[in-house]
Amino acid sequence: MAKKDDGTFNFTANPEDFPQRHKAIVINIGIAETGKFIMSASSDTTILVWDLKGEVLASINTNQMTNSYAAISPCGRFIASCGFTPDVKVWEVCFGKSGEFKEVVRAFDLKGHSAGVHSFAFSNDSRRMATVSKDGTWKLWDTDVEYKKQQDPYLLRTVPCKSSEGSRIALSPDARVVAVSNGCDIAMYNAATGELEEEFHGVHAEEINNLKFDINGRFLVSSGDRAIRVFHNITGYRAAIQDMQAMLKKASNEGMKQRLQQQIQDAQSALDTVLAGHKD
């Protein structure tokens, strides 16, 4: 890394930093939020866990015939993968108290689809996951379980949807909204009710290859062909307002009621602003 005259830095990567260890095409990579490891997954059944210096810490065989998608959870504790088989497998990457790598252990599986899983997504706290499958459904899971005591995740909801090879699913950070891509189209659902609330057709000229919410859940971003599209998360605004209205009905403390009323008013104002801009 060298500092240039304008104060910016120029980085030249050494091609030998990370040796070529995969035997098939690498389909996904990720770096843990903790900065402790990097994950790479290939189209066969291999996932590699690396340290940041390019040393392989662990190799995982997913036993899923082929991998179609893999990712690190936002909390940086888990690696998950899906593929030809109708389940999602999740592992915990374990480190010692002093930060040294210990092992990769199987945490839990998401079982319930009747065909291969296209992709999955975590909520920001990793307590919820969403999956979309070739069986024409998406599912929402409660993954806030004591898996070390053999407790399995709970299936919260199964919703019919349109999906195709390469479909992607996104779960908003607060787990209130699920977005599913199907070819060039996007559908957005209220995660609590399963209701289809928004549809966007012909978003890209080619198949959508990625779908993500921003960290605050205000926007949904899609990529495909040579473009990136950004959408207001209107479904998320509405879901947040509904949740706060439900909390308001149960609130007994006057201070809490006033705070909720103000939050509802602010959220409604923000939603009205977005909708007004959309009409223009």
Protein backbone atom coordinates (compact mmCIF):
# COMPACT_ATOMS: atom_id res chain seq x y z
CA MET A 1 0.00 0.00 0.00
CA ALA A 2 1.48 3.34 -1.06
CA LYS A 3 0.28 6.86 -0.32
CA LYS A 4 -0.22 9.01 -3.40
CA ASP A 5 0.38 12.76 -3.71
CA ASP A 6 -3.33 13.55 -3.33
CA GLY A 7 -3.44 11.79 0.04
CA THR A 8 -5.27 8.67 -1.15
CA PHE A 9 -3.77 5.20 -1.06
CA ASN A 10 -2.91 2.88 -3.90
CA PHE A 11 -3.14 -0.82 -3.08
CA THR A 12 -1.48 -3.47 -5.20
CA ALA A 13 -2.58 -6.99 -4.35
CA ASN A 14 -0.07 -9.80 -4.37
CA PRO A 15 -1.58 -12.63 -6.45
CA GLU A 16 0.06 -15.17 -4.16
CA ASP A 17 -1.49 -13.78 -0.95
CA PHE A 18 -4.35 -16.29 -1.12
CA PRO A 19 -3.39 -19.57 -2.79
CA GLN A 20 -5.78 -21.24 -5.21
CA ARG A 21 -7.43 -23.92 -3.10
CA HIS A 22 -10.85 -24.30 -4.73
CA LYS A 23 -11.27 -26.87 -7.51
CA ALA A 24 -14.51 -25.36 -8.83
CA ILE A 25 -15.75 -21.83 -9.55
CA VAL A 26 -15.99 -19.58 -6.48
CA ILE A 27 -19.61 -18.40 -6.22
CA ASN A 28 -19.62 -16.44 -2.94
CA ILE A 29 -17.16 -14.74 -0.62
CA GLY A 30 -17.60 -12.84 2.61
CA ILE A 31 -15.68 -11.34 5.50
CA ALA A 32 -16.93 -11.59 9.08
CA GLU A 33 -18.12 -8.40 10.74
CA THR A 34 -15.65 -9.21 13.52
CA GLY A 35 -12.79 -9.17 11.03
CA LYS A 36 -11.64 -12.58 12.24
CA PHE A 37 -12.13 -14.66 9.09
CA ILE A 38 -13.00 -14.78 5.41
CA MET A 39 -15.33 -17.32 3.79
CA SER A 40 -15.20 -18.54 0.20
CA ALA A 41 -17.63 -21.04 -1.34
CA SER A 42 -17.36 -22.85 -4.66
CA SER A 43 -19.97 -24.46 -6.89
CA ASP A 44 -19.05 -28.00 -5.85
CA THR A 45 -19.58 -28.68 -2.12
CA THR A 46 -16.61 -26.82 -0.66
CA ILE A 47 -16.50 -23.87 1.74
CA LEU A 48 -13.14 -22.61 2.97
CA VAL A 49 -12.57 -20.50 6.07
CA TRP A 50 -9.46 -18.29 5.86
CA ASP A 51 -7.66 -15.96 8.20
CA LEU A 52 -6.89 -12.51 6.85
CA LYS A 53 -3.34 -13.53 5.91
CA GLY A 54 -4.49 -16.19 3.46
CA GLU A 55 -4.10 -19.27 5.63
CA VAL A 56 -6.92 -21.83 5.46
CA LEU A 57 -8.37 -22.34 8.94
CA ALA A 58 -10.96 -24.96 7.99
CA SER A 59 -12.54 -26.72 5.04
CA ILE A 60 -16.25 -27.59 5.04
CA ASN A 61 -17.90 -30.21 2.86
CA THR A 62 -21.56 -29.19 2.65
CA ASN A 63 -22.69 -32.56 1.22
CA GLN A 64 -25.37 -30.72 -0.76
CA MET A 65 -24.48 -32.15 -4.20
CA THR A 66 -23.75 -28.60 -5.33
CA ASN A 67 -23.61 -25.24 -3.57
CA SER A 68 -25.90 -22.53 -4.91
CA TYR A 69 -25.34 -19.86 -2.24
CA ALA A 70 -23.31 -19.29 0.92
CA ALA A 71 -22.93 -16.36 3.32
CA ILE A 72 -21.63 -15.22 6.70
CA SER A 73 -24.21 -14.04 9.23
CA PRO A 74 -24.20 -10.31 10.12
CA CYS A 75 -23.08 -11.16 13.67
CA GLY A 76 -19.97 -12.86 12.28
CA ARG A 77 -20.56 -16.13 14.14
CA PHE A 78 -22.15 -18.32 11.49
CA ILE A 79 -21.59 -19.57 7.96
CA ALA A 80 -24.58 -20.99 6.08
CA SER A 81 -25.02 -22.67 2.72
CA CYS A 82 -27.74 -24.08 0.49
CA GLY A 83 -27.75 -26.04 -2.72
CA PHE A 84 -29.31 -28.99 -4.47
CA THR A 85 -30.74 -30.48 -1.26
CA PRO A 86 -33.92 -29.04 0.35
CA ASP A 87 -32.22 -27.65 3.46
CA VAL A 88 -29.93 -24.87 4.66
CA LYS A 89 -26.95 -25.87 6.76
CA VAL A 90 -25.47 -23.52 9.35
CA TRP A 91 -22.10 -23.77 11.09
CA GLU A 92 -20.58 -21.76 13.94
CA VAL A 93 -17.00 -20.53 13.54
CA CYS A 94 -15.55 -20.73 17.06
CA PHE A 95 -12.73 -18.65 18.51
CA GLY A 96 -11.07 -18.73 21.92
CA LYS A 97 -11.18 -15.96 24.52
CA SER A 98 -7.87 -14.59 23.28
CA GLY A 99 -9.11 -14.53 19.69
CA GLU A 100 -7.44 -17.68 18.38
CA PHE A 101 -9.34 -19.91 15.96
CA LYS A 102 -10.63 -23.12 17.53
CA GLU A 103 -12.99 -24.98 15.18
CA VAL A 104 -16.01 -24.96 12.90
CA VAL A 105 -18.97 -26.88 14.31
CA ARG A 106 -22.43 -27.64 12.90
CA ALA A 107 -24.99 -25.39 14.58
CA PHE A 108 -28.35 -26.27 13.03
CA ASP A 109 -30.23 -27.00 9.81
CA LEU A 110 -33.31 -25.39 8.30
CA LYS A 111 -35.44 -28.30 7.13
CA GLY A 112 -38.90 -28.05 5.62
CA HIS A 113 -38.66 -27.29 1.92
CA SER A 114 -39.53 -30.06 -0.52
CA ALA A 115 -36.96 -29.06 -3.17
CA GLY A 116 -33.57 -27.39 -3.43
CA VAL A 117 -33.08 -23.99 -1.81
CA HIS A 118 -32.10 -21.07 -4.07
CA SER A 119 -30.87 -18.72 -1.35
CA PHE A 120 -31.37 -17.52 2.21
CA ALA A 121 -30.89 -14.40 4.32
CA PHE A 122 -30.27 -13.43 7.94
CA SER A 123 -31.80 -10.63 9.99
CA ASN A 124 -29.25 -8.21 11.44
CA ASP A 125 -29.17 -9.98 14.83
CA SER A 126 -29.21 -13.45 13.19
CA ARG A 127 -32.32 -14.37 15.22
CA ARG A 128 -34.38 -14.78 12.06
CA MET A 129 -33.63 -16.36 8.69
CA ALA A 130 -35.59 -16.50 5.44
CA THR A 131 -35.27 -19.07 2.65
CA VAL A 132 -36.62 -19.37 -0.90
CA SER A 133 -36.87 -22.69 -2.69
CA LYS A 134 -37.59 -24.41 -5.98
CA ASP A 135 -40.78 -25.70 -4.33
CA GLY A 136 -42.36 -22.26 -4.93
CA THR A 137 -42.37 -21.00 -1.34
CA TRP A 138 -40.39 -18.79 0.98
CA LYS A 139 -40.12 -19.57 4.67
CA LEU A 140 -39.38 -17.49 7.75
CA TRP A 141 -37.51 -19.13 10.64
CA ASP A 142 -36.87 -18.35 14.30
CA THR A 143 -33.17 -19.17 14.70
CA ASP A 144 -32.83 -17.72 18.22
CA VAL A 145 -32.42 -21.21 19.69
CA GLU A 146 -30.06 -23.05 22.00
CA TYR A 147 -28.56 -25.20 19.29
CA LYS A 148 -25.82 -26.44 21.62
CA LYS A 149 -28.65 -28.15 23.52
CA GLN A 150 -29.94 -29.66 20.25
CA GLN A 151 -32.83 -27.19 20.00
CA ASP A 152 -33.98 -26.84 16.38
CA PRO A 153 -35.06 -23.60 14.69
CA TYR A 154 -38.80 -22.91 14.57
CA LEU A 155 -40.65 -22.50 11.29
CA LEU A 156 -42.73 -19.32 11.64
CA ARG A 157 -44.31 -18.98 8.22
CA THR A 158 -44.54 -20.56 4.77
CA VAL A 159 -45.70 -18.34 1.91
CA PRO A 160 -46.27 -19.28 -1.77
CA CYS A 161 -44.20 -17.21 -4.19
CA LYS A 162 -42.87 -17.14 -7.72
CA SER A 163 -39.28 -18.35 -7.94
CA SER A 164 -36.86 -19.55 -10.57
CA GLU A 165 -33.30 -20.78 -10.84
CA GLY A 166 -31.11 -18.06 -9.34
CA SER A 167 -33.87 -16.48 -7.23
CA ARG A 168 -32.57 -14.39 -4.34
CA ILE A 169 -34.20 -13.56 -1.02
CA ALA A 170 -33.50 -10.61 1.28
CA LEU A 171 -34.64 -10.13 4.88
CA SER A 172 -34.73 -6.61 6.29
CA PRO A 173 -32.43 -6.02 9.30
CA ASP A 174 -35.43 -5.89 11.66
CA ALA A 175 -36.98 -9.01 10.03
CA ARG A 176 -40.16 -7.12 9.14
CA VAL A 177 -39.88 -7.45 5.36
CA VAL A 178 -39.01 -10.25 2.93
CA ALA A 179 -38.05 -9.51 -0.67
CA VAL A 180 -37.84 -12.25 -3.32
CA SER A 181 -36.49 -11.99 -6.86
CA ASN A 182 -37.86 -14.04 -9.73
CA GLY A 183 -36.01 -13.48 -12.97
CA CYS A 184 -36.23 -9.73 -13.57
CA ASP A 185 -39.01 -9.14 -11.01
CA ILE A 186 -39.09 -8.40 -7.27
CA ALA A 187 -41.88 -9.12 -4.76
CA MET A 188 -41.97 -7.63 -1.25
CA TYR A 189 -43.87 -9.24 1.62
CA ASN A 190 -44.81 -8.31 5.16
CA ALA A 191 -42.90 -10.95 7.13
CA ALA A 192 -45.38 -10.97 10.04
CA THR A 193 -48.46 -11.62 7.89
CA GLY A 194 -46.99 -13.09 4.70
CA GLU A 195 -49.01 -10.60 2.67
CA LEU A 196 -47.66 -9.57 -0.74
CA GLU A 197 -47.47 -5.76 -0.57
CA GLU A 198 -45.31 -4.57 -3.48
CA GLU A 199 -44.33 -5.94 -6.88
CA PHE A 200 -41.76 -4.53 -9.28
CA HIS A 201 -41.71 -5.96 -12.80
CA GLY A 202 -38.90 -5.79 -15.33
CA VAL A 203 -36.52 -4.22 -12.85
CA HIS A 204 -33.51 -5.34 -14.88
CA ALA A 205 -33.03 -6.37 -18.49
CA GLU A 206 -31.41 -9.59 -17.28
CA GLU A 207 -31.87 -11.89 -14.28
CA ILE A 208 -31.41 -10.29 -10.86
CA ASN A 209 -28.23 -11.67 -9.30
CA ASN A 210 -28.25 -9.97 -5.90
CA LEU A 211 -30.77 -8.48 -3.49
CA LYS A 212 -29.94 -6.68 -0.24
CA PHE A 213 -31.42 -4.28 2.33
CA ASP A 214 -29.26 -1.49 3.69
CA ILE A 215 -28.23 -1.72 7.36
CA ASN A 216 -31.04 0.64 8.45
CA GLY A 217 -33.72 -1.13 6.42
CA ARG A 218 -34.75 2.03 4.57
CA PHE A 219 -33.77 0.81 1.11
CA LEU A 220 -33.73 -2.36 -0.96
CA VAL A 221 -30.97 -2.69 -3.55
CA SER A 222 -30.92 -5.06 -6.53
CA SER A 223 -28.30 -5.77 -9.17
CA GLY A 224 -28.57 -7.34 -12.60
CA ASP A 225 -27.37 -6.70 -16.17
CA ARG A 226 -25.09 -3.65 -15.76
CA ALA A 227 -27.29 -1.71 -13.37
CA ILE A 228 -28.06 -1.29 -9.69
CA ARG A 229 -31.59 -0.29 -8.64
CA VAL A 230 -32.52 1.26 -5.29
CA PHE A 231 -36.07 1.07 -3.87
CA HIS A 232 -37.64 2.71 -0.85
CA ASN A 233 -38.68 0.05 1.67
CA ILE A 234 -42.30 1.20 1.82
CA THR A 235 -43.39 -2.19 3.14
CA GLY A 236 -40.96 -1.72 6.05
CA TYR A 237 -42.36 1.70 6.94
CA ARG A 238 -45.88 0.29 7.02
CA ALA A 239 -44.87 -2.75 9.07
CA ALA A 240 -43.07 -0.56 11.63
CA ILE A 241 -46.13 1.68 11.97
CA GLN A 242 -48.40 -1.35 12.46
CA ASP A 243 -46.08 -2.75 15.15
CA MET A 244 -45.99 0.57 17.02
CA GLN A 245 -49.77 0.93 16.80
CA ALA A 246 -50.12 -2.54 18.37
CA MET A 247 -47.69 -1.56 21.13
CA LEU A 248 -49.63 1.66 21.72
CA LYS A 249 -52.83 -0.28 22.40
CA LYS A 250 -51.04 -2.32 25.07
CA ALA A 251 -49.09 0.55 26.63
CA SER A 252 -50.21 1.47 30.15
CA ASN A 253 -47.55 4.06 30.95
CA GLU A 254 -48.44 7.58 29.81
CA GLY A 255 -44.83 8.41 28.95
CA MET A 256 -44.58 5.32 26.80
CA LYS A 257 -47.81 6.21 25.03
CA GLN A 258 -46.53 9.67 24.20
CA ARG A 259 -43.23 8.33 22.87
CA LEU A 260 -45.02 5.76 20.71
CA GLN A 261 -47.45 8.37 19.39
CA GLN A 262 -44.53 10.59 18.41
CA GLN A 263 -42.68 7.68 16.76
CA ILE A 264 -45.81 6.72 14.81
CA GLN A 265 -46.26 10.31 13.70
CA ASP A 266 -42.61 10.55 12.58
CA ALA A 267 -42.78 7.22 10.73
CA GLN A 268 -46.04 8.17 9.01
CA SER A 269 -44.55 11.53 7.99
CA ALA A 270 -41.51 9.77 6.52
CA LEU A 271 -43.75 7.32 4.65
CA ASP A 272 -45.93 10.16 3.30
CA THR A 273 -42.81 11.95 2.05
CA VAL A 274 -41.61 8.84 0.23
CA LEU A 275 -45.03 8.20 -1.31
CA ALA A 276 -45.36 11.84 -2.40
CA GLY A 277 -41.97 11.64 -4.12
CA HIS A 278 -42.99 8.39 -5.79
CA LYS A 279 -46.13 10.00 -7.23
CA ASP A 280 -44.11 12.90 -8.60
